[in-house]
Protein backbone atom coordinates (compact mmCIF):
# COMPACT_ATOMS: atom_id res chain seq x y z
CA MET A 1 27.64 -13.80 -123.73
CA THR A 2 28.72 -10.53 -125.33
CA ASP A 3 26.63 -7.40 -125.77
CA LEU A 4 24.94 -8.00 -129.11
CA ALA A 5 24.86 -4.30 -130.01
CA ASP A 6 28.68 -4.17 -129.71
CA ARG A 7 29.00 -6.49 -132.71
CA GLU A 8 28.58 -5.82 -136.42
CA TRP A 9 25.00 -6.38 -137.54
CA ARG A 10 23.35 -5.82 -140.89
CA LEU A 11 19.65 -5.37 -141.61
CA VAL A 12 18.47 -6.94 -144.87
CA ARG A 13 15.11 -5.37 -145.66
CA GLU A 14 12.24 -7.45 -147.00
CA THR A 15 13.05 -9.30 -150.19
CA ALA A 16 10.86 -11.79 -152.07
CA ARG A 17 12.40 -15.14 -152.96
CA ASP A 18 11.27 -18.73 -153.13
CA GLY A 19 11.28 -21.00 -150.09
CA PRO A 20 14.40 -23.04 -150.88
CA MET A 21 16.43 -19.86 -151.40
CA HIS A 22 15.27 -18.37 -148.10
CA MET A 23 16.29 -21.51 -146.21
CA ALA A 24 19.65 -21.53 -147.99
CA LEU A 25 20.26 -17.84 -147.20
CA ASP A 26 19.76 -18.55 -143.50
CA GLU A 27 22.48 -21.22 -143.67
CA VAL A 28 24.83 -18.91 -145.55
CA ALA A 29 24.19 -16.08 -143.07
CA ALA A 30 25.12 -18.48 -140.24
CA GLU A 31 28.39 -19.34 -141.99
CA THR A 32 29.15 -15.64 -142.51
CA ALA A 33 28.55 -14.82 -138.84
CA ALA A 34 30.59 -17.79 -137.62
CA ASP A 35 33.49 -16.74 -139.88
CA GLY A 36 33.64 -13.28 -138.30
CA GLY A 37 31.39 -11.45 -140.74
CA PRO A 38 28.29 -9.47 -139.86
CA ARG A 39 25.44 -10.96 -137.91
CA THR A 40 22.14 -10.73 -139.78
CA VAL A 41 18.62 -9.56 -139.03
CA ARG A 42 16.27 -9.70 -141.98
CA VAL A 43 12.64 -9.66 -143.06
CA TYR A 44 11.51 -11.68 -146.05
CA ARG A 45 8.57 -12.56 -148.26
CA TRP A 46 7.80 -15.93 -149.88
CA GLU A 47 7.43 -15.81 -153.67
CA PRO A 48 5.62 -17.97 -154.62
CA SER A 49 3.58 -18.89 -151.56
CA THR A 50 5.29 -21.79 -149.81
CA LEU A 51 4.51 -24.64 -147.43
CA SER A 52 7.55 -25.14 -145.20
CA LEU A 53 7.63 -28.50 -143.42
CA GLY A 54 9.09 -29.01 -139.98
CA TYR A 55 12.27 -31.08 -139.94
CA HIS A 56 10.57 -34.27 -138.67
CA GLN A 57 7.34 -33.86 -140.64
CA ASP A 58 5.74 -36.84 -142.37
CA PRO A 59 5.36 -35.99 -146.08
CA GLU A 60 2.08 -37.90 -146.11
CA THR A 61 0.52 -34.95 -144.24
CA VAL A 62 0.85 -32.82 -147.39
CA ASP A 63 -1.65 -32.64 -150.26
CA TRP A 64 1.04 -32.64 -152.93
CA GLU A 65 -1.40 -32.51 -155.84
CA TYR A 66 -3.08 -29.41 -154.44
CA CYS A 67 0.26 -27.65 -153.90
CA GLU A 68 1.39 -28.44 -157.43
CA ARG A 69 -1.93 -27.35 -158.93
CA GLU A 70 -1.92 -24.07 -156.99
CA GLY A 71 1.76 -23.29 -157.61
CA ILE A 72 2.69 -23.60 -153.93
CA THR A 73 6.34 -24.48 -153.35
CA VAL A 74 7.01 -27.14 -150.70
CA THR A 75 10.33 -27.24 -148.87
CA ARG A 76 11.58 -28.55 -145.52
CA ARG A 77 13.00 -26.37 -142.77
CA PRO A 78 16.02 -27.40 -140.67
CA THR A 79 13.91 -26.47 -137.62
CA GLY A 80 11.25 -28.59 -135.96
CA GLY A 81 7.55 -28.02 -135.45
CA GLY A 82 4.67 -28.35 -137.86
CA ALA A 83 4.24 -27.11 -141.40
CA ILE A 84 3.50 -23.45 -142.06
CA TYR A 85 1.73 -22.11 -145.12
CA HIS A 86 3.57 -18.87 -145.93
CA ASP A 87 1.16 -16.86 -148.03
CA ASN A 88 2.83 -14.35 -150.31
CA TYR A 89 0.63 -11.58 -148.92
CA GLY A 90 -0.56 -12.80 -145.54
CA ASP A 91 2.78 -13.91 -144.08
CA ILE A 92 5.67 -11.76 -142.82
CA SER A 93 8.82 -13.69 -141.93
CA TYR A 94 12.10 -12.75 -140.26
CA SER A 95 15.43 -14.31 -139.30
CA ILE A 96 18.08 -13.48 -136.70
CA VAL A 97 21.49 -15.11 -137.14
CA ALA A 98 24.47 -14.82 -134.79
CA PRO A 99 27.44 -16.84 -133.49
CA ALA A 100 26.44 -19.35 -130.82
CA ASP A 101 28.94 -18.08 -128.25
CA GLU A 102 27.29 -14.63 -128.30
CA LEU A 103 23.90 -15.97 -127.24
CA PRO A 104 22.63 -17.62 -124.04
CA GLY A 105 23.18 -21.34 -123.80
CA ASP A 106 19.70 -21.88 -122.36
CA LEU A 107 17.06 -22.32 -125.06
CA MET A 108 14.33 -20.43 -123.18
CA ASP A 109 16.67 -17.52 -122.49
CA THR A 110 17.60 -17.35 -126.16
CA TYR A 111 13.97 -17.23 -127.27
CA GLU A 112 13.25 -14.50 -124.75
CA LEU A 113 16.17 -12.46 -126.06
CA LEU A 114 15.61 -12.97 -129.78
CA CYS A 115 11.84 -12.48 -129.71
CA GLN A 116 12.21 -9.06 -128.06
CA PRO A 117 12.30 -7.11 -131.36
CA LEU A 118 9.13 -8.93 -132.45
CA PHE A 119 7.37 -7.79 -129.28
CA ASP A 120 8.75 -4.28 -129.77
CA ALA A 121 7.36 -4.16 -133.31
CA LEU A 122 3.93 -5.40 -132.27
CA ASP A 123 3.80 -2.98 -129.36
CA GLY A 124 4.76 -0.14 -131.70
CA ILE A 125 1.74 -0.79 -133.91
CA GLY A 126 -0.59 -1.09 -130.93
CA ILE A 127 -0.87 -4.87 -130.49
CA ASP A 128 -0.65 -6.34 -127.01
CA ALA A 129 1.16 -9.67 -127.46
CA GLY A 130 3.31 -12.05 -125.45
CA PHE A 131 4.45 -15.64 -125.12
CA ALA A 132 1.62 -18.14 -124.65
CA GLU A 133 0.87 -18.66 -120.98
CA THR A 134 -2.28 -20.78 -121.16
CA GLU A 135 -1.95 -24.33 -122.46
CA ARG A 136 -4.32 -25.22 -125.26
CA PRO A 137 -4.55 -28.73 -126.77
CA PRO A 138 -3.58 -29.36 -130.38
CA VAL A 139 -6.19 -29.03 -133.12
CA HIS A 140 -4.07 -30.53 -135.92
CA GLU A 141 -0.49 -31.64 -135.17
CA PRO A 142 0.92 -31.35 -138.72
CA ALA A 143 0.08 -27.62 -138.84
CA CYS A 144 2.35 -25.34 -136.82
CA TYR A 145 -0.33 -22.81 -135.95
CA LEU A 146 -2.74 -25.54 -134.77
CA ARG A 147 -0.39 -27.49 -132.54
CA ALA A 148 -0.44 -27.22 -128.75
CA LEU A 149 0.77 -23.77 -127.71
CA HIS A 150 4.32 -23.64 -126.35
CA PRO A 151 5.33 -20.84 -123.92
CA ALA A 152 8.90 -20.73 -125.25
CA HIS A 153 8.22 -19.66 -128.82
CA ASP A 154 4.50 -19.24 -129.57
CA VAL A 155 3.41 -15.60 -129.57
CA VAL A 156 -0.25 -14.84 -128.92
CA ALA A 157 -2.40 -11.72 -128.95
CA ALA A 158 -4.28 -10.56 -125.88
CA ASP A 159 -7.24 -12.76 -126.85
CA GLY A 160 -5.03 -15.87 -126.60
CA ARG A 161 -4.98 -16.63 -130.33
CA LYS A 162 -1.66 -17.38 -132.01
CA LEU A 163 -0.08 -14.57 -133.99
CA SER A 164 3.46 -15.82 -134.56
CA GLY A 165 5.42 -19.06 -134.51
CA ASN A 166 9.21 -19.06 -133.97
CA ALA A 167 11.88 -21.74 -134.14
CA GLN A 168 15.63 -22.09 -133.70
CA TYR A 169 18.29 -24.09 -135.47
CA ARG A 170 21.33 -24.32 -133.20
CA ARG A 171 24.46 -25.24 -135.13
CA ARG A 172 27.80 -25.89 -133.45
CA ASP A 173 29.07 -22.37 -134.15
CA SER A 174 25.93 -20.33 -134.82
CA VAL A 175 22.24 -19.93 -134.10
CA ILE A 176 19.44 -19.25 -136.59
CA GLN A 177 16.08 -18.11 -135.31
CA HIS A 178 13.34 -17.58 -137.82
CA GLY A 179 9.71 -16.79 -137.36
CA SER A 180 6.43 -16.35 -139.17
CA ILE A 181 3.96 -13.58 -138.31
CA THR A 182 0.44 -13.64 -139.70
CA TYR A 183 -0.46 -10.29 -141.22
CA ALA A 184 -3.73 -11.45 -142.84
CA SER A 185 -5.38 -14.81 -142.41
CA ASP A 186 -7.28 -16.88 -144.98
CA PRO A 187 -8.23 -20.07 -143.10
CA GLY A 188 -9.32 -21.98 -146.19
CA ARG A 189 -6.04 -21.23 -147.93
CA GLN A 190 -4.05 -22.03 -144.77
CA LEU A 191 -5.66 -25.46 -144.44
CA ALA A 192 -5.83 -26.53 -148.08
CA PRO A 193 -2.18 -27.73 -148.46
CA PHE A 194 -2.73 -30.40 -145.79
CA ALA A 195 -3.98 -33.89 -146.61
CA THR A 196 -7.02 -33.67 -144.35
CA ASP A 197 -10.45 -32.12 -144.25
CA GLU A 198 -10.94 -32.72 -140.52
CA VAL A 199 -10.19 -29.12 -139.52
CA THR A 200 -12.71 -26.43 -140.38
CA PRO A 201 -11.99 -22.76 -141.08
CA ALA A 202 -14.01 -21.93 -137.95
CA ALA A 203 -11.67 -24.07 -135.83
CA PHE A 204 -8.70 -22.32 -137.42
CA ARG A 205 -10.10 -18.88 -136.57
CA GLU A 206 -10.59 -19.91 -132.95
CA ARG A 207 -6.84 -20.60 -132.64
CA VAL A 208 -5.18 -18.13 -135.04
CA THR A 209 -5.35 -14.36 -135.41
CA ALA A 210 -3.62 -11.78 -137.60
CA ILE A 211 -2.15 -8.29 -137.40
CA ASP A 212 -4.91 -6.79 -139.54
CA GLU A 213 -7.51 -7.93 -137.00
CA HIS A 214 -5.87 -5.87 -134.24
CA ALA A 215 -4.24 -2.86 -135.91
CA ASP A 216 -5.19 -0.41 -138.66
CA ILE A 217 -1.97 -0.76 -140.62
CA ASP A 218 -1.22 -1.94 -144.13
CA ARG A 219 1.24 -4.73 -144.84
CA ALA A 220 4.05 -2.36 -145.85
CA GLY A 221 3.67 -0.51 -142.55
CA ALA A 222 3.79 -3.74 -140.56
CA VAL A 223 6.93 -4.83 -142.42
CA ALA A 224 8.59 -1.46 -141.78
CA ALA A 225 7.73 -1.68 -138.07
CA LEU A 226 9.40 -5.09 -137.81
CA GLU A 227 12.46 -3.97 -139.79
CA ASP A 228 12.88 -0.89 -137.61
CA ALA A 229 12.50 -2.91 -134.41
CA LEU A 230 15.11 -5.45 -135.55
CA ALA A 231 17.53 -2.68 -136.56
CA THR A 232 17.09 -0.84 -133.26
CA TRP A 233 17.44 -4.01 -131.16
CA ALA A 234 20.71 -5.01 -132.85
CA ASP A 235 21.97 -1.50 -133.65
CA ALA A 236 22.23 -2.82 -137.19
CA ASP A 237 23.33 -0.97 -140.29
CA GLN A 238 21.31 -1.35 -143.46
CA GLY A 239 23.02 -3.95 -145.60
CA GLY A 240 22.55 -6.70 -148.11
CA TRP A 241 23.90 -10.00 -149.35
CA THR A 242 27.26 -10.17 -151.08
CA ASP A 243 27.47 -11.69 -154.54
CA ALA A 244 29.40 -14.61 -153.06
CA GLU A 245 26.69 -15.25 -150.46
CA VAL A 246 23.94 -15.23 -153.08
CA ALA A 247 25.93 -17.62 -155.27
CA ARG A 248 26.51 -20.01 -152.35
CA ALA A 249 22.85 -19.85 -151.38
CA ARG A 250 21.73 -20.64 -154.93
CA GLU A 251 24.01 -23.66 -154.96
CA ARG A 252 22.77 -24.77 -151.51
CA ALA A 253 19.14 -24.36 -152.57
CA ARG A 254 19.72 -26.36 -155.75
CA GLU A 255 21.60 -29.17 -154.00
CA LYS A 256 19.43 -29.40 -150.89
CA TYR A 257 16.25 -27.40 -150.39
CA GLU A 258 14.86 -27.81 -153.92
CA THR A 259 15.34 -31.59 -153.95
CA GLU A 260 12.71 -34.23 -153.28
CA ALA A 261 15.32 -36.17 -151.33
CA TRP A 262 15.47 -33.40 -148.72
CA THR A 263 11.87 -32.24 -148.83
CA ARG A 264 10.30 -35.69 -148.65
CA ASN A 265 12.96 -37.73 -146.85
CA ARG A 266 15.39 -35.34 -145.06
CA VAL A 267 18.33 -36.68 -147.07
CA GLU A 268 21.25 -34.24 -146.92
CA PRO A 269 23.37 -33.75 -150.06
CA ASP A 270 26.72 -35.52 -150.19
């Protein structure tokens, strides 16, 4: 593994796009890094609010009528785990993308390395957080934040409640890690996109916490803290997407992530 800071990194500051476009941009960033271009760290916002399904998720777990009625986009991630409701205000998301041969081969080691800027950001705003150490049983398997806690990629606050979920997509030549951090939690809104009424908001609050419960900081400040931590960790220059990358991502989103074939049945485009 090479020293990551010796490579060319770009920081793409928070931008608001829809779910399919964000998933497509991750793929395009992986292609750019694998082809010798800059590695990418970025923060992003979901517009409109989006339910992202884990790769193996059963579409029957989704209340499709509710999502359509409320204007919530539904797309499927290339990573595993349960579905995450990415609220336009309450969620802060990030991605780290680099060539595979520049990262550890061991999955646990890679999570430990790539989650470091997240821990740095939380520490900088006064939140004591770390990987989950205590096992807790699942509350609702289809929902990422209510599944059994995993010490490799679930980040919890000092009170043991989940603050961030993280996942990796390891391609042959590149690695994508993306994560969701809860800035503000609305349990009713978080649970509504799922086709069940078995989980109560009180049960959700017992498992999930948010930045605004632990730190006196507005959303913009929390975003800036994460951007700065990512940039420092990677020694990244401020950058952006090229026109060619945006065009490729739009095509990828249209052909894959916006389609019912992919979202409901995991059918890749020809």
